[in-house]
Amino acid sequence: MLDFPTQTTHAGFLAVALALAGVDRGTPRRRFTLVYVQLGYFVAVFAGVYLFIQLPMEANVAREKEEIATRLANAPSRVNLPALNEGRIDRVLLMEGVGEWRLSESYSGRLPAEQTGGDTFAPRPERVSYYANYGPPSKTLDDFRAITVSVIQYPNAAWAKFDVLNSTGRVGIPRLSRFGQTFYQDGPYFSWSSGDRRILLDCQSTPPEVIDEFLKAYLAKYPSSQ
């Protein structure tokens, strides 16, 4: 794919060619006047796009890369981490449900340590994942409303707090303060750390009032360390 300056240069030559082809050949003054007008318009548009769109986009990309590089450089150590003591799932998750919504399935399991990371995330140590899926009462087959809750247990609190953003591989995720607590929201996803655990709520296709119920319930069980 051609870069932005090359594309705009090609577009400029095309504008000139169209101007020359589309004007009566017997009036050269009119022909070249139109060429100059079109070129002037094209230059103005090009300058505006470059100054107000292209340059800010490039600056934003550079800033994001710098923030991610700084985050990766500050990743907690994976040396001499304490052993993971897996907890009972019925003590980790809200098995009785939240409000009128009830638990439909749950499970837990160990996630092995990652040997390598990537350009946007640091490799994580061994973790324990606890998962719960909740649905509304009298849910039918064509009712796709659901909330999934993941509680990830880390060897220490430093890794739990770090991985709230590290796990996304992104920057600029909004940080909110509600219900006397602080957490992050990325669209329908809500996350925070609490001690050695990271909590993630997936609230796609869920009414706002139900989301608030789940946030209050899990923030009460796992107060934010953010």
Protein backbone atom coordinates (compact mmCIF):
# COMPACT_ATOMS: atom_id res chain seq x y z
CA MET A 1 0.00 0.00 0.00
CA LEU A 2 1.28 3.47 -0.90
CA ASP A 3 2.06 5.89 1.91
CA PHE A 4 0.06 9.09 2.44
CA PRO A 5 2.39 11.54 0.55
CA THR A 6 2.64 9.17 -2.45
CA GLN A 7 -1.12 8.74 -2.62
CA THR A 8 -1.73 12.49 -2.52
CA THR A 9 0.93 13.14 -5.18
CA HIS A 10 -0.72 10.63 -7.50
CA ALA A 11 -4.08 12.25 -6.80
CA GLY A 12 -2.61 15.65 -7.74
CA PHE A 13 -1.38 14.39 -11.11
CA LEU A 14 -4.79 12.83 -11.70
CA ALA A 15 -6.50 16.15 -10.92
CA VAL A 16 -4.31 17.93 -13.49
CA ALA A 17 -4.95 15.25 -16.09
CA LEU A 18 -8.70 15.46 -15.59
CA ALA A 19 -8.61 19.24 -15.81
CA LEU A 20 -6.68 19.17 -19.08
CA ALA A 21 -8.91 16.51 -20.56
CA GLY A 22 -12.18 18.04 -19.47
CA VAL A 23 -11.80 21.60 -20.91
CA ASP A 24 -12.19 22.79 -24.48
CA ARG A 25 -8.78 22.49 -26.17
CA GLY A 26 -9.39 25.70 -28.13
CA THR A 27 -9.22 27.88 -25.02
CA PRO A 28 -5.74 27.37 -23.51
CA ARG A 29 -6.08 30.31 -21.11
CA ARG A 30 -9.25 28.85 -19.63
CA ARG A 31 -7.66 25.42 -19.60
CA PHE A 32 -4.60 26.47 -17.58
CA THR A 33 -6.62 28.78 -15.34
CA LEU A 34 -8.75 25.81 -14.35
CA VAL A 35 -5.61 23.73 -13.75
CA TYR A 36 -4.25 26.37 -11.37
CA VAL A 37 -7.57 26.61 -9.54
CA GLN A 38 -7.80 22.87 -9.14
CA LEU A 39 -4.18 22.59 -8.05
CA GLY A 40 -4.68 25.37 -5.51
CA TYR A 41 -7.74 23.64 -4.13
CA PHE A 42 -5.89 20.34 -4.03
CA VAL A 43 -2.90 21.86 -2.19
CA ALA A 44 -5.20 23.48 0.37
CA VAL A 45 -7.03 20.20 0.99
CA PHE A 46 -3.75 18.30 1.19
CA ALA A 47 -2.30 20.78 3.72
CA GLY A 48 -5.44 20.66 5.84
CA VAL A 49 -5.58 16.86 5.89
CA TYR A 50 -1.89 16.60 6.69
CA LEU A 51 -1.91 19.23 9.45
CA PHE A 52 -5.19 18.37 11.15
CA ILE A 53 -5.50 14.61 10.54
CA GLN A 54 -2.26 12.94 9.49
CA LEU A 55 0.14 14.67 11.90
CA PRO A 56 -2.10 14.20 14.98
CA MET A 57 -2.57 10.52 14.07
CA GLU A 58 1.18 10.01 13.77
CA ALA A 59 1.78 11.80 17.07
CA ASN A 60 -0.86 9.67 18.78
CA VAL A 61 0.69 6.44 17.47
CA ALA A 62 4.13 7.55 18.66
CA ARG A 63 2.73 8.45 22.09
CA GLU A 64 0.99 5.07 22.43
CA LYS A 65 4.19 3.22 21.48
CA GLU A 66 6.15 5.21 24.05
CA GLU A 67 3.57 4.52 26.80
CA ILE A 68 3.54 0.80 26.03
CA ALA A 69 7.36 0.65 25.98
CA THR A 70 7.44 2.38 29.39
CA ARG A 71 4.83 -0.06 30.75
CA LEU A 72 6.79 -3.10 29.53
CA ALA A 73 10.00 -1.74 31.04
CA ASN A 74 8.24 -1.48 34.43
CA ALA A 75 6.78 -4.99 34.46
CA PRO A 76 7.08 -6.72 37.85
CA SER A 77 9.76 -9.35 38.29
CA ARG A 78 8.93 -13.00 37.61
CA VAL A 79 11.84 -14.22 39.74
CA ASN A 80 11.23 -15.98 43.08
CA LEU A 81 7.46 -15.53 42.99
CA PRO A 82 5.46 -17.19 45.77
CA ALA A 83 3.54 -20.37 45.02
CA LEU A 84 -0.07 -20.05 43.90
CA ASN A 85 -2.57 -21.47 46.37
CA GLU A 86 -5.72 -22.13 44.38
CA GLY A 87 -8.86 -21.16 46.25
CA ARG A 88 -12.27 -22.80 46.33
CA ILE A 89 -14.37 -21.55 43.48
CA ASP A 90 -17.45 -21.12 45.68
CA ARG A 91 -15.48 -18.69 47.83
CA VAL A 92 -14.00 -16.79 44.87
CA LEU A 93 -17.19 -16.19 42.86
CA LEU A 94 -20.70 -15.06 43.80
CA MET A 95 -22.34 -18.44 43.36
CA GLU A 96 -25.76 -17.28 44.58
CA GLY A 97 -26.05 -14.80 41.70
CA VAL A 98 -26.51 -11.04 41.66
CA GLY A 99 -29.97 -9.51 41.95
CA GLU A 100 -32.35 -11.56 39.81
CA TRP A 101 -29.55 -12.89 37.62
CA ARG A 102 -28.41 -16.43 38.37
CA LEU A 103 -25.23 -18.40 37.83
CA SER A 104 -25.48 -20.71 34.80
CA GLU A 105 -21.96 -22.16 34.74
CA SER A 106 -18.58 -21.82 36.44
CA TYR A 107 -15.16 -23.40 36.35
CA SER A 108 -11.55 -22.75 37.31
CA GLY A 109 -8.15 -23.76 36.04
CA ARG A 110 -4.47 -22.87 35.98
CA LEU A 111 -2.96 -20.77 33.22
CA PRO A 112 0.70 -21.62 32.54
CA ALA A 113 3.42 -18.99 32.66
CA GLU A 114 4.02 -17.28 29.32
CA GLN A 115 7.57 -17.69 28.09
CA THR A 116 7.46 -14.77 25.68
CA GLY A 117 5.45 -11.58 25.46
CA GLY A 118 4.79 -9.34 22.49
CA ASP A 119 5.22 -5.82 21.25
CA THR A 120 2.36 -4.61 23.45
CA PHE A 121 2.32 -6.90 26.50
CA ALA A 122 4.76 -8.47 28.96
CA PRO A 123 4.80 -12.26 29.53
CA ARG A 124 2.85 -13.19 32.62
CA PRO A 125 3.59 -15.71 35.35
CA GLU A 126 1.42 -18.72 36.16
CA ARG A 127 -2.10 -17.72 37.13
CA VAL A 128 -5.37 -19.26 38.28
CA SER A 129 -8.54 -18.35 36.40
CA TYR A 130 -12.01 -18.53 37.94
CA TYR A 131 -14.91 -18.05 35.51
CA ALA A 132 -18.65 -17.52 36.01
CA ASN A 133 -21.48 -16.94 33.56
CA TYR A 134 -24.71 -15.30 34.72
CA GLY A 135 -28.05 -14.97 32.96
CA PRO A 136 -31.45 -13.37 33.60
CA PRO A 137 -34.32 -15.36 35.11
CA SER A 138 -36.42 -17.44 32.70
CA LYS A 139 -33.85 -17.00 29.95
CA THR A 140 -34.99 -18.23 26.52
CA LEU A 141 -32.93 -19.54 23.62
CA ASP A 142 -33.19 -16.25 21.73
CA ASP A 143 -32.19 -14.18 24.78
CA PHE A 144 -28.49 -13.40 24.43
CA ARG A 145 -28.16 -11.30 27.55
CA ALA A 146 -25.34 -12.53 29.79
CA ILE A 147 -22.56 -11.35 32.05
CA THR A 148 -19.33 -13.26 32.42
CA VAL A 149 -17.01 -12.65 35.35
CA SER A 150 -13.37 -13.69 35.37
CA VAL A 151 -11.29 -13.54 38.54
CA ILE A 152 -7.60 -14.10 37.81
CA GLN A 153 -5.32 -14.93 40.74
CA TYR A 154 -1.63 -13.95 40.49
CA PRO A 155 1.40 -14.82 42.64
CA ASN A 156 1.34 -11.30 44.11
CA ALA A 157 -0.59 -8.02 44.10
CA ALA A 158 1.98 -6.26 41.91
CA TRP A 159 1.27 -8.60 39.00
CA ALA A 160 -2.49 -8.37 39.45
CA LYS A 161 -2.42 -4.57 39.31
CA PHE A 162 0.04 -4.48 36.41
CA ASP A 163 -1.92 -6.93 34.27
CA VAL A 164 -5.15 -4.90 34.39
CA LEU A 165 -3.75 -2.81 31.53
CA ASN A 166 -0.98 -5.14 30.36
CA SER A 167 -3.57 -7.78 29.42
CA THR A 168 -5.24 -5.35 26.99
CA GLY A 169 -2.08 -4.47 25.06
CA ARG A 170 -3.46 -0.96 24.71
CA VAL A 171 -3.28 2.52 26.23
CA GLY A 172 -5.84 5.24 26.79
CA ILE A 173 -8.47 3.04 28.43
CA PRO A 174 -10.79 5.27 30.51
CA ARG A 175 -10.36 5.11 34.28
CA LEU A 176 -13.59 5.70 36.18
CA SER A 177 -14.49 6.45 39.79
CA ARG A 178 -17.93 5.19 40.82
CA PHE A 179 -19.48 3.68 43.93
CA GLY A 180 -16.46 4.95 45.87
CA GLN A 181 -14.14 2.74 43.80
CA THR A 182 -11.81 3.11 40.82
CA PHE A 183 -11.83 0.80 37.80
CA TYR A 184 -11.31 0.77 34.03
CA GLN A 185 -13.96 0.57 31.33
CA ASP A 186 -13.22 -0.53 27.79
CA GLY A 187 -16.60 -0.58 26.04
CA PRO A 188 -18.64 -3.38 27.69
CA TYR A 189 -15.61 -4.60 29.69
CA PHE A 190 -14.89 -3.48 33.26
CA SER A 191 -11.69 -4.39 35.11
CA TRP A 192 -9.70 -3.67 38.25
CA SER A 193 -7.34 -5.38 40.67
CA SER A 194 -7.95 -6.30 44.28
CA GLY A 195 -4.96 -7.63 46.18
CA ASP A 196 -3.50 -10.51 44.17
CA ARG A 197 -6.55 -10.77 41.89
CA ARG A 198 -7.71 -9.10 38.71
CA ILE A 199 -11.47 -8.89 38.10
CA LEU A 200 -12.93 -8.62 34.61
CA LEU A 201 -16.64 -8.20 33.84
CA ASP A 202 -17.85 -8.80 30.28
CA CYS A 203 -21.22 -7.04 30.08
CA GLN A 204 -22.12 -7.20 26.38
CA SER A 205 -25.84 -6.80 25.59
CA THR A 206 -26.59 -6.08 29.24
CA PRO A 207 -28.86 -3.27 30.55
CA PRO A 208 -27.03 -0.49 32.42
CA GLU A 209 -28.94 -1.09 35.65
CA VAL A 210 -27.84 -4.75 35.69
CA ILE A 211 -24.23 -3.75 35.00
CA ASP A 212 -24.37 -1.42 38.00
CA GLU A 213 -25.69 -4.26 40.18
CA PHE A 214 -22.79 -6.51 39.21
CA LEU A 215 -20.22 -3.76 39.63
CA LYS A 216 -21.49 -2.97 43.12
CA ALA A 217 -21.60 -6.66 44.11
CA TYR A 218 -18.12 -7.56 42.88
CA LEU A 219 -16.56 -4.30 44.05
CA ALA A 220 -17.98 -5.06 47.49
CA LYS A 221 -16.37 -8.51 47.40
CA TYR A 222 -13.18 -7.27 45.76
CA PRO A 223 -12.48 -3.61 46.64
CA SER A 224 -10.37 -1.92 44.00
CA SER A 225 -6.61 -1.55 44.49
CA GLN A 226 -6.32 0.85 41.56
